[in-house]
All heavy atoms as atom14 arrays in JSON, in Angstrom:
{
  "sequence": "RGVESAIRQNDDMELVAVFTRRNPKDVSISTSTAAVCSAQEMENWKD",
  "atom14_mask": [
    [1, 1, 1, 1, 1, 1, 1, 1, 1, 1, 1, 0, 0, 0],
    [1, 1, 1, 1, 0, 0, 0, 0, 0, 0, 0, 0, 0, 0],
    [1, 1, 1, 1, 1, 1, 1, 0, 0, 0, 0, 0, 0, 0],
    [1, 1, 1, 1, 1, 1, 1, 1, 1, 0, 0, 0, 0, 0],
    [1, 1, 1, 1, 1, 1, 0, 0, 0, 0, 0, 0, 0, 0],
    [1, 1, 1, 1, 1, 0, 0, 0, 0, 0, 0, 0, 0, 0],
    [1, 1, 1, 1, 1, 1, 1, 1, 0, 0, 0, 0, 0, 0],
    [1, 1, 1, 1, 1, 1, 1, 1, 1, 1, 1, 0, 0, 0],
    [1, 1, 1, 1, 1, 1, 1, 1, 1, 0, 0, 0, 0, 0],
    [1, 1, 1, 1, 1, 1, 1, 1, 0, 0, 0, 0, 0, 0],
    [1, 1, 1, 1, 1, 1, 1, 1, 0, 0, 0, 0, 0, 0],
    [1, 1, 1, 1, 1, 1, 1, 1, 0, 0, 0, 0, 0, 0],
    [1, 1, 1, 1, 1, 1, 1, 1, 0, 0, 0, 0, 0, 0],
    [1, 1, 1, 1, 1, 1, 1, 1, 1, 0, 0, 0, 0, 0],
    [1, 1, 1, 1, 1, 1, 1, 1, 0, 0, 0, 0, 0, 0],
    [1, 1, 1, 1, 1, 1, 1, 0, 0, 0, 0, 0, 0, 0],
    [1, 1, 1, 1, 1, 0, 0, 0, 0, 0, 0, 0, 0, 0],
    [1, 1, 1, 1, 1, 1, 1, 0, 0, 0, 0, 0, 0, 0],
    [1, 1, 1, 1, 1, 1, 1, 1, 1, 1, 1, 0, 0, 0],
    [1, 1, 1, 1, 1, 1, 1, 0, 0, 0, 0, 0, 0, 0],
    [1, 1, 1, 1, 1, 1, 1, 1, 1, 1, 1, 0, 0, 0],
    [1, 1, 1, 1, 1, 1, 1, 1, 1, 1, 1, 0, 0, 0],
    [1, 1, 1, 1, 1, 1, 1, 1, 0, 0, 0, 0, 0, 0],
    [1, 1, 1, 1, 1, 1, 1, 0, 0, 0, 0, 0, 0, 0],
    [1, 1, 1, 1, 1, 1, 1, 1, 1, 0, 0, 0, 0, 0],
    [1, 1, 1, 1, 1, 1, 1, 1, 0, 0, 0, 0, 0, 0],
    [1, 1, 1, 1, 1, 1, 1, 0, 0, 0, 0, 0, 0, 0],
    [1, 1, 1, 1, 1, 1, 0, 0, 0, 0, 0, 0, 0, 0],
    [1, 1, 1, 1, 1, 1, 1, 1, 0, 0, 0, 0, 0, 0],
    [1, 1, 1, 1, 1, 1, 0, 0, 0, 0, 0, 0, 0, 0],
    [1, 1, 1, 1, 1, 1, 1, 0, 0, 0, 0, 0, 0, 0],
    [1, 1, 1, 1, 1, 1, 0, 0, 0, 0, 0, 0, 0, 0],
    [1, 1, 1, 1, 1, 1, 1, 0, 0, 0, 0, 0, 0, 0],
    [1, 1, 1, 1, 1, 0, 0, 0, 0, 0, 0, 0, 0, 0],
    [1, 1, 1, 1, 1, 0, 0, 0, 0, 0, 0, 0, 0, 0],
    [1, 1, 1, 1, 1, 1, 1, 0, 0, 0, 0, 0, 0, 0],
    [1, 1, 1, 1, 1, 1, 0, 0, 0, 0, 0, 0, 0, 0],
    [1, 1, 1, 1, 1, 1, 0, 0, 0, 0, 0, 0, 0, 0],
    [1, 1, 1, 1, 1, 0, 0, 0, 0, 0, 0, 0, 0, 0],
    [1, 1, 1, 1, 1, 1, 1, 1, 1, 0, 0, 0, 0, 0],
    [1, 1, 1, 1, 1, 1, 1, 1, 1, 0, 0, 0, 0, 0],
    [1, 1, 1, 1, 1, 1, 1, 1, 0, 0, 0, 0, 0, 0],
    [1, 1, 1, 1, 1, 1, 1, 1, 1, 0, 0, 0, 0, 0],
    [1, 1, 1, 1, 1, 1, 1, 1, 0, 0, 0, 0, 0, 0],
    [1, 1, 1, 1, 1, 1, 1, 1, 1, 1, 1, 1, 1, 1],
    [1, 1, 1, 1, 1, 1, 1, 1, 1, 0, 0, 0, 0, 0],
    [1, 1, 1, 1, 1, 1, 1, 1, 0, 0, 0, 0, 0, 0]
  ],
  "atom14_positions": [
    [[0.83, -1.21, 0.0], [0.0, 0.0, 0.0], [0.86, 1.25, 0.0], [0.52, 2.27, -0.62], [-0.93, -0.01, 1.21], [-2.09, -1.0, 1.06], [-3.11, -0.83, 2.17], [-2.59, -1.25, 3.47], [-2.66, -2.5, 3.94], [-3.23, -3.44, 3.19], [-2.18, -2.8, 5.12], [0.0, 0.0, 0.0], [0.0, 0.0, 0.0], [0.0, 0.0, 0.0]],
    [[2.0, 1.19, 0.7], [2.92, 2.32, 0.7], [3.49, 2.6, -0.68], [3.65, 3.76, -1.09], [0.0, 0.0, 0.0], [0.0, 0.0, 0.0], [0.0, 0.0, 0.0], [0.0, 0.0, 0.0], [0.0, 0.0, 0.0], [0.0, 0.0, 0.0], [0.0, 0.0, 0.0], [0.0, 0.0, 0.0], [0.0, 0.0, 0.0], [0.0, 0.0, 0.0]],
    [[3.82, 1.53, -1.43], [4.33, 1.71, -2.8], [3.26, 2.35, -3.68], [3.54, 3.27, -4.46], [4.8, 0.36, -3.38], [5.14, 0.52, -4.88], [6.01, -0.17, -2.63], [0.0, 0.0, 0.0], [0.0, 0.0, 0.0], [0.0, 0.0, 0.0], [0.0, 0.0, 0.0], [0.0, 0.0, 0.0], [0.0, 0.0, 0.0], [0.0, 0.0, 0.0]],
    [[2.03, 1.87, -3.57], [0.95, 2.46, -4.37], [0.82, 3.95, -4.07], [0.68, 4.77, -4.99], [-0.35, 1.74, -4.09], [-1.5, 2.3, -4.93], [-2.85, 1.69, -4.59], [-3.01, 1.18, -3.46], [-3.74, 1.73, -5.46], [0.0, 0.0, 0.0], [0.0, 0.0, 0.0], [0.0, 0.0, 0.0], [0.0, 0.0, 0.0], [0.0, 0.0, 0.0]],
    [[0.87, 4.32, -2.8], [0.78, 5.73, -2.42], [1.95, 6.53, -2.98], [1.77, 7.65, -3.47], [0.73, 5.84, -0.9], [0.73, 7.18, -0.49], [0.0, 0.0, 0.0], [0.0, 0.0, 0.0], [0.0, 0.0, 0.0], [0.0, 0.0, 0.0], [0.0, 0.0, 0.0], [0.0, 0.0, 0.0], [0.0, 0.0, 0.0], [0.0, 0.0, 0.0]],
    [[3.16, 5.96, -2.93], [4.35, 6.67, -3.41], [4.29, 6.89, -4.92], [4.78, 7.92, -5.42], [5.61, 5.89, -3.03], [0.0, 0.0, 0.0], [0.0, 0.0, 0.0], [0.0, 0.0, 0.0], [0.0, 0.0, 0.0], [0.0, 0.0, 0.0], [0.0, 0.0, 0.0], [0.0, 0.0, 0.0], [0.0, 0.0, 0.0], [0.0, 0.0, 0.0]],
    [[3.72, 5.96, -5.65], [3.61, 6.11, -7.1], [2.83, 7.37, -7.45], [3.16, 8.08, -8.41], [2.98, 4.85, -7.73], [3.96, 3.68, -7.66], [2.56, 5.1, -9.18], [3.37, 2.33, -8.06], [0.0, 0.0, 0.0], [0.0, 0.0, 0.0], [0.0, 0.0, 0.0], [0.0, 0.0, 0.0], [0.0, 0.0, 0.0], [0.0, 0.0, 0.0]],
    [[1.82, 7.68, -6.63], [1.01, 8.88, -6.91], [1.8, 10.17, -6.72], [1.38, 11.23, -7.19], [-0.24, 8.88, -6.02], [-1.22, 7.76, -6.37], [-2.59, 8.02, -5.76], [-2.59, 7.91, -4.31], [-2.81, 6.78, -3.64], [-3.04, 5.65, -4.31], [-2.8, 6.76, -2.32], [0.0, 0.0, 0.0], [0.0, 0.0, 0.0], [0.0, 0.0, 0.0]],
    [[2.95, 10.08, -6.06], [3.8, 11.26, -5.86], [4.92, 11.35, -6.89], [5.74, 12.26, -6.82], [4.4, 11.23, -4.46], [3.36, 11.34, -3.35], [4.01, 11.3, -1.96], [4.81, 10.43, -1.66], [3.64, 12.25, -1.12], [0.0, 0.0, 0.0], [0.0, 0.0, 0.0], [0.0, 0.0, 0.0], [0.0, 0.0, 0.0], [0.0, 0.0, 0.0]],
    [[4.95, 10.43, -7.84], [6.03, 10.39, -8.83], [5.41, 10.31, -10.23], [4.9, 9.27, -10.65], [6.93, 9.17, -8.58], [7.78, 9.34, -7.33], [8.89, 9.85, -7.38], [7.25, 8.9, -6.19], [0.0, 0.0, 0.0], [0.0, 0.0, 0.0], [0.0, 0.0, 0.0], [0.0, 0.0, 0.0], [0.0, 0.0, 0.0], [0.0, 0.0, 0.0]],
    [[5.48, 11.43, -10.94], [4.79, 11.55, -12.22], [5.37, 10.68, -13.32], [4.72, 10.47, -14.36], [4.8, 13.01, -12.69], [3.99, 13.92, -11.79], [3.1, 13.41, -11.08], [4.26, 15.14, -11.77], [0.0, 0.0, 0.0], [0.0, 0.0, 0.0], [0.0, 0.0, 0.0], [0.0, 0.0, 0.0], [0.0, 0.0, 0.0], [0.0, 0.0, 0.0]],
    [[6.59, 10.18, -13.13], [7.2, 9.35, -14.17], [6.94, 7.86, -13.95], [7.55, 7.01, -14.61], [8.71, 9.61, -14.25], [9.45, 9.31, -12.94], [8.8, 9.33, -11.87], [10.67, 9.07, -13.0], [0.0, 0.0, 0.0], [0.0, 0.0, 0.0], [0.0, 0.0, 0.0], [0.0, 0.0, 0.0], [0.0, 0.0, 0.0], [0.0, 0.0, 0.0]],
    [[6.05, 7.53, -13.01], [5.71, 6.14, -12.71], [4.2, 5.94, -12.84], [3.41, 6.86, -12.6], [6.1, 5.79, -11.27], [7.52, 6.12, -10.9], [8.62, 4.79, -11.34], [10.14, 5.38, -10.58], [0.0, 0.0, 0.0], [0.0, 0.0, 0.0], [0.0, 0.0, 0.0], [0.0, 0.0, 0.0], [0.0, 0.0, 0.0], [0.0, 0.0, 0.0]],
    [[3.8, 4.72, -13.2], [2.39, 4.37, -13.18], [2.24, 2.93, -12.68], [3.02, 2.06, -13.04], [1.75, 4.52, -14.55], [2.31, 3.62, -15.64], [1.54, 3.75, -16.94], [0.33, 4.02, -16.89], [2.16, 3.57, -18.01], [0.0, 0.0, 0.0], [0.0, 0.0, 0.0], [0.0, 0.0, 0.0], [0.0, 0.0, 0.0], [0.0, 0.0, 0.0]],
    [[1.23, 2.73, -11.84], [0.93, 1.39, -11.35], [0.08, 0.67, -12.38], [-1.0, 1.15, -12.76], [0.2, 1.47, -10.01], [-0.22, 0.12, -9.4], [1.0, -0.76, -9.11], [-1.02, 0.33, -8.12], [0.0, 0.0, 0.0], [0.0, 0.0, 0.0], [0.0, 0.0, 0.0], [0.0, 0.0, 0.0], [0.0, 0.0, 0.0], [0.0, 0.0, 0.0]],
    [[0.55, -0.5, -12.8], [-0.15, -1.29, -13.81], [-0.96, -2.4, -13.17], [-2.11, -2.64, -13.53], [0.86, -1.86, -14.83], [0.17, -2.82, -15.8], [1.54, -0.73, -15.59], [0.0, 0.0, 0.0], [0.0, 0.0, 0.0], [0.0, 0.0, 0.0], [0.0, 0.0, 0.0], [0.0, 0.0, 0.0], [0.0, 0.0, 0.0], [0.0, 0.0, 0.0]],
    [[-0.35, -3.1, -12.19], [-1.05, -4.23, -11.59], [-0.5, -4.55, -10.22], [0.69, -4.33, -9.94], [-0.95, -5.47, -12.49], [0.0, 0.0, 0.0], [0.0, 0.0, 0.0], [0.0, 0.0, 0.0], [0.0, 0.0, 0.0], [0.0, 0.0, 0.0], [0.0, 0.0, 0.0], [0.0, 0.0, 0.0], [0.0, 0.0, 0.0], [0.0, 0.0, 0.0]],
    [[-1.38, -5.06, -9.36], [-1.01, -5.59, -8.06], [-1.25, -7.09, -8.08], [-2.31, -7.56, -8.54], [-1.87, -4.95, -6.94], [-1.66, -5.67, -5.61], [-1.54, -3.46, -6.81], [0.0, 0.0, 0.0], [0.0, 0.0, 0.0], [0.0, 0.0, 0.0], [0.0, 0.0, 0.0], [0.0, 0.0, 0.0], [0.0, 0.0, 0.0], [0.0, 0.0, 0.0]],
    [[-0.26, -7.86, -7.61], [-0.37, -9.31, -7.59], [-0.44, -9.79, -6.14], [0.29, -9.31, -5.28], [0.83, -9.94, -8.31], [0.9, -9.56, -9.76], [1.56, -8.41, -10.17], [0.27, -10.34, -10.72], [1.6, -8.04, -11.5], [0.3, -9.99, -12.06], [0.97, -8.83, -12.45], [0.0, 0.0, 0.0], [0.0, 0.0, 0.0], [0.0, 0.0, 0.0]],
    [[-1.32, -10.73, -5.91], [-1.57, -11.19, -4.54], [-1.73, -12.7, -4.51], [-2.18, -13.32, -5.48], [-2.83, -10.52, -3.97], [-3.08, -11.01, -2.66], [-4.06, -10.79, -4.85], [0.0, 0.0, 0.0], [0.0, 0.0, 0.0], [0.0, 0.0, 0.0], [0.0, 0.0, 0.0], [0.0, 0.0, 0.0], [0.0, 0.0, 0.0], [0.0, 0.0, 0.0]],
    [[-1.35, -13.3, -3.35], [-1.6, -14.73, -3.14], [-2.99, -14.96, -2.57], [-3.44, -16.09, -2.47], [-0.53, -15.3, -2.2], [0.84, -15.37, -2.86], [1.92, -15.85, -1.9], [2.13, -14.9, -0.8], [3.06, -15.04, 0.12], [3.89, -16.08, 0.08], [3.2, -14.14, 1.07], [0.0, 0.0, 0.0], [0.0, 0.0, 0.0], [0.0, 0.0, 0.0]],
    [[-3.67, -13.86, -2.19], [-5.05, -13.97, -1.75], [-5.98, -14.03, -2.97], [-5.55, -13.89, -4.12], [-5.42, -12.76, -0.88], [-4.7, -12.72, 0.47], [-5.07, -11.46, 1.23], [-4.26, -10.31, 0.83], [-4.54, -9.06, 1.15], [-5.62, -8.79, 1.86], [-3.76, -8.07, 0.77], [0.0, 0.0, 0.0], [0.0, 0.0, 0.0], [0.0, 0.0, 0.0]],
    [[-7.26, -14.18, -2.72], [-8.24, -14.08, -3.78], [-8.28, -12.63, -4.26], [-8.56, -11.73, -3.46], [-9.62, -14.5, -3.26], [-10.68, -14.52, -4.36], [-10.53, -13.87, -5.4], [-11.75, -15.25, -4.12], [0.0, 0.0, 0.0], [0.0, 0.0, 0.0], [0.0, 0.0, 0.0], [0.0, 0.0, 0.0], [0.0, 0.0, 0.0], [0.0, 0.0, 0.0]],
    [[-7.97, -12.36, -5.53], [-7.95, -10.97, -6.0], [-9.26, -10.22, -5.73], [-9.24, -9.0, -5.54], [-7.69, -11.12, -7.5], [-6.96, -12.41, -7.64], [-7.55, -13.31, -6.58], [0.0, 0.0, 0.0], [0.0, 0.0, 0.0], [0.0, 0.0, 0.0], [0.0, 0.0, 0.0], [0.0, 0.0, 0.0], [0.0, 0.0, 0.0], [0.0, 0.0, 0.0]],
    [[-10.37, -10.91, -5.69], [-11.65, -10.27, -5.42], [-11.72, -9.7, -4.01], [-12.54, -8.82, -3.73], [-12.79, -11.25, -5.64], [-12.94, -11.71, -7.09], [-14.08, -12.7, -7.24], [-14.22, -13.16, -8.69], [-15.31, -14.16, -8.85], [0.0, 0.0, 0.0], [0.0, 0.0, 0.0], [0.0, 0.0, 0.0], [0.0, 0.0, 0.0], [0.0, 0.0, 0.0]],
    [[-10.85, -10.2, -3.12], [-10.84, -9.73, -1.73], [-9.88, -8.58, -1.5], [-9.74, -8.1, -0.38], [-10.49, -10.88, -0.78], [-11.52, -12.0, -0.82], [-12.69, -11.71, -1.13], [-11.14, -13.16, -0.54], [0.0, 0.0, 0.0], [0.0, 0.0, 0.0], [0.0, 0.0, 0.0], [0.0, 0.0, 0.0], [0.0, 0.0, 0.0], [0.0, 0.0, 0.0]],
    [[-9.17, -8.15, -2.54], [-8.15, -7.09, -2.42], [-8.65, -5.84, -3.12], [-8.89, -5.84, -4.33], [-6.8, -7.54, -3.01], [-5.79, -6.39, -2.94], [-6.27, -8.76, -2.27], [0.0, 0.0, 0.0], [0.0, 0.0, 0.0], [0.0, 0.0, 0.0], [0.0, 0.0, 0.0], [0.0, 0.0, 0.0], [0.0, 0.0, 0.0], [0.0, 0.0, 0.0]],
    [[-8.79, -4.76, -2.37], [-9.26, -3.49, -2.92], [-8.1, -2.5, -2.92], [-7.49, -2.25, -1.87], [-10.42, -2.95, -2.08], [-10.83, -1.68, -2.54], [0.0, 0.0, 0.0], [0.0, 0.0, 0.0], [0.0, 0.0, 0.0], [0.0, 0.0, 0.0], [0.0, 0.0, 0.0], [0.0, 0.0, 0.0], [0.0, 0.0, 0.0], [0.0, 0.0, 0.0]],
    [[-7.77, -1.94, -4.07], [-6.69, -0.97, -4.18], [-7.25, 0.41, -4.5], [-8.42, 0.56, -4.85], [-5.64, -1.4, -5.23], [-6.24, -1.38, -6.65], [-5.11, -2.79, -4.9], [-5.21, -1.64, -7.74], [0.0, 0.0, 0.0], [0.0, 0.0, 0.0], [0.0, 0.0, 0.0], [0.0, 0.0, 0.0], [0.0, 0.0, 0.0], [0.0, 0.0, 0.0]],
    [[-6.4, 1.43, -4.42], [-6.85, 2.81, -4.61], [-6.73, 3.28, -6.05], [-7.33, 4.29, -6.42], [-6.03, 3.74, -3.71], [-6.17, 3.38, -2.36], [0.0, 0.0, 0.0], [0.0, 0.0, 0.0], [0.0, 0.0, 0.0], [0.0, 0.0, 0.0], [0.0, 0.0, 0.0], [0.0, 0.0, 0.0], [0.0, 0.0, 0.0], [0.0, 0.0, 0.0]],
    [[-5.96, 2.58, -6.87], [-5.7, 3.01, -8.25], [-6.7, 2.36, -9.18], [-6.6, 1.16, -9.47], [-4.26, 2.66, -8.65], [-3.34, 3.17, -7.68], [-3.92, 3.24, -10.02], [0.0, 0.0, 0.0], [0.0, 0.0, 0.0], [0.0, 0.0, 0.0], [0.0, 0.0, 0.0], [0.0, 0.0, 0.0], [0.0, 0.0, 0.0], [0.0, 0.0, 0.0]],
    [[-7.64, 3.14, -9.68], [-8.73, 2.57, -10.48], [-8.26, 2.02, -11.81], [-8.9, 1.13, -12.39], [-9.8, 3.64, -10.72], [-9.27, 4.76, -11.41], [0.0, 0.0, 0.0], [0.0, 0.0, 0.0], [0.0, 0.0, 0.0], [0.0, 0.0, 0.0], [0.0, 0.0, 0.0], [0.0, 0.0, 0.0], [0.0, 0.0, 0.0], [0.0, 0.0, 0.0]],
    [[-7.13, 2.53, -12.32], [-6.65, 2.09, -13.63], [-5.78, 0.83, -13.56], [-5.39, 0.3, -14.6], [-5.83, 3.21, -14.29], [-4.77, 3.61, -13.4], [-6.72, 4.41, -14.6], [0.0, 0.0, 0.0], [0.0, 0.0, 0.0], [0.0, 0.0, 0.0], [0.0, 0.0, 0.0], [0.0, 0.0, 0.0], [0.0, 0.0, 0.0], [0.0, 0.0, 0.0]],
    [[-5.46, 0.36, -12.36], [-4.59, -0.8, -12.21], [-5.42, -2.05, -11.96], [-6.51, -2.01, -11.38], [-3.61, -0.58, -11.07], [0.0, 0.0, 0.0], [0.0, 0.0, 0.0], [0.0, 0.0, 0.0], [0.0, 0.0, 0.0], [0.0, 0.0, 0.0], [0.0, 0.0, 0.0], [0.0, 0.0, 0.0], [0.0, 0.0, 0.0], [0.0, 0.0, 0.0]],
    [[-4.87, -3.19, -12.37], [-5.52, -4.48, -12.19], [-5.07, -5.13, -10.89], [-3.98, -4.85, -10.39], [-5.2, -5.4, -13.36], [0.0, 0.0, 0.0], [0.0, 0.0, 0.0], [0.0, 0.0, 0.0], [0.0, 0.0, 0.0], [0.0, 0.0, 0.0], [0.0, 0.0, 0.0], [0.0, 0.0, 0.0], [0.0, 0.0, 0.0], [0.0, 0.0, 0.0]],
    [[-5.92, -5.98, -10.33], [-5.55, -6.84, -9.2], [-5.61, -8.27, -9.7], [-6.65, -8.72, -10.18], [-6.49, -6.65, -8.0], [-6.07, -7.55, -6.86], [-6.5, -5.19, -7.55], [0.0, 0.0, 0.0], [0.0, 0.0, 0.0], [0.0, 0.0, 0.0], [0.0, 0.0, 0.0], [0.0, 0.0, 0.0], [0.0, 0.0, 0.0], [0.0, 0.0, 0.0]],
    [[-4.48, -8.97, -9.59], [-4.35, -10.29, -10.21], [-3.8, -11.31, -9.22], [-3.11, -10.96, -8.26], [-3.41, -10.22, -11.42], [-3.84, -8.97, -12.64], [0.0, 0.0, 0.0], [0.0, 0.0, 0.0], [0.0, 0.0, 0.0], [0.0, 0.0, 0.0], [0.0, 0.0, 0.0], [0.0, 0.0, 0.0], [0.0, 0.0, 0.0], [0.0, 0.0, 0.0]],
    [[-4.06, -12.56, -9.53], [-3.47, -13.64, -8.76], [-1.97, -13.71, -9.06], [-1.53, -13.48, -10.19], [-4.12, -14.97, -9.13], [-3.37, -16.05, -8.63], [0.0, 0.0, 0.0], [0.0, 0.0, 0.0], [0.0, 0.0, 0.0], [0.0, 0.0, 0.0], [0.0, 0.0, 0.0], [0.0, 0.0, 0.0], [0.0, 0.0, 0.0], [0.0, 0.0, 0.0]],
    [[-1.2, -14.06, -8.03], [0.25, -14.22, -8.23], [0.56, -15.25, -9.31], [1.58, -15.16, -9.99], [0.9, -14.62, -6.91], [0.0, 0.0, 0.0], [0.0, 0.0, 0.0], [0.0, 0.0, 0.0], [0.0, 0.0, 0.0], [0.0, 0.0, 0.0], [0.0, 0.0, 0.0], [0.0, 0.0, 0.0], [0.0, 0.0, 0.0], [0.0, 0.0, 0.0]],
    [[-0.33, -16.19, -9.5], [-0.11, -17.24, -10.51], [-0.21, -16.7, -11.93], [0.24, -17.36, -12.87], [-1.12, -18.36, -10.3], [-0.96, -19.08, -8.96], [-2.02, -20.13, -8.72], [-3.08, -20.1, -9.33], [-1.74, -21.07, -7.82], [0.0, 0.0, 0.0], [0.0, 0.0, 0.0], [0.0, 0.0, 0.0], [0.0, 0.0, 0.0], [0.0, 0.0, 0.0]],
    [[-0.77, -15.52, -12.1], [-0.91, -14.92, -13.43], [0.29, -14.06, -13.82], [0.32, -13.5, -14.92], [-2.17, -14.03, -13.48], [-3.48, -14.72, -13.21], [-4.62, -13.72, -13.21], [-4.69, -12.89, -14.15], [-5.44, -13.75, -12.27], [0.0, 0.0, 0.0], [0.0, 0.0, 0.0], [0.0, 0.0, 0.0], [0.0, 0.0, 0.0], [0.0, 0.0, 0.0]],
    [[1.27, -13.96, -12.95], [2.34, -12.99, -13.13], [3.07, -13.13, -14.47], [3.37, -12.15, -15.15], [3.33, -13.1, -11.97], [4.09, -11.82, -11.71], [5.13, -11.93, -10.25], [3.94, -12.25, -8.98], [0.0, 0.0, 0.0], [0.0, 0.0, 0.0], [0.0, 0.0, 0.0], [0.0, 0.0, 0.0], [0.0, 0.0, 0.0], [0.0, 0.0, 0.0]],
    [[3.35, -14.34, -14.87], [4.11, -14.56, -16.1], [3.4, -13.95, -17.31], [4.05, -13.52, -18.28], [4.33, -16.06, -16.33], [5.23, -16.37, -17.5], [5.54, -17.85, -17.63], [5.15, -18.64, -16.74], [6.19, -18.24, -18.63], [0.0, 0.0, 0.0], [0.0, 0.0, 0.0], [0.0, 0.0, 0.0], [0.0, 0.0, 0.0], [0.0, 0.0, 0.0]],
    [[2.07, -13.88, -17.27], [1.31, -13.33, -18.4], [1.53, -11.82, -18.56], [1.14, -11.25, -19.58], [-0.19, -13.6, -18.22], [-0.5, -15.09, -18.13], [0.23, -15.91, -18.69], [-1.57, -15.44, -17.44], [0.0, 0.0, 0.0], [0.0, 0.0, 0.0], [0.0, 0.0, 0.0], [0.0, 0.0, 0.0], [0.0, 0.0, 0.0], [0.0, 0.0, 0.0]],
    [[2.13, -11.19, -17.56], [2.33, -9.74, -17.58], [3.77, -9.35, -17.91], [4.13, -8.17, -17.79], [1.93, -9.15, -16.23], [0.46, -9.18, -15.99], [-0.31, -10.26, -15.67], [-0.44, -8.07, -16.08], [-1.63, -9.9, -15.53], [-1.74, -8.55, -15.77], [-0.28, -6.71, -16.36], [-2.85, -7.73, -15.76], [-1.38, -5.88, -16.33], [-2.66, -6.39, -16.05]],
    [[4.59, -10.27, -18.32], [6.02, -9.99, -18.45], [6.35, -8.91, -19.48], [7.4, -8.28, -19.41], [6.8, -11.27, -18.74], [6.44, -11.96, -20.04], [7.25, -13.25, -20.18], [6.92, -13.98, -21.47], [7.7, -15.24, -21.58], [0.0, 0.0, 0.0], [0.0, 0.0, 0.0], [0.0, 0.0, 0.0], [0.0, 0.0, 0.0], [0.0, 0.0, 0.0]],
    [[5.46, -8.69, -20.45], [5.71, -7.64, -21.44], [4.91, -6.37, -21.15], [4.95, -5.42, -21.93], [5.35, -8.16, -22.84], [6.22, -9.34, -23.26], [7.43, -9.3, -22.96], [5.69, -10.29, -23.85], [0.0, 0.0, 0.0], [0.0, 0.0, 0.0], [0.0, 0.0, 0.0], [0.0, 0.0, 0.0], [0.0, 0.0, 0.0], [0.0, 0.0, 0.0]]
  ]
}
């Protein structure tokens, strides 16, 4: 959560996705443009 907050203070960064070992449906983030994904999906985001 601290990293997400810090990104909002740095104009040259953007949050694309948050990965979690929990059920992604149970994780609520503050960045509406970013995805919440299962850690198992990480490889699909490599590009």
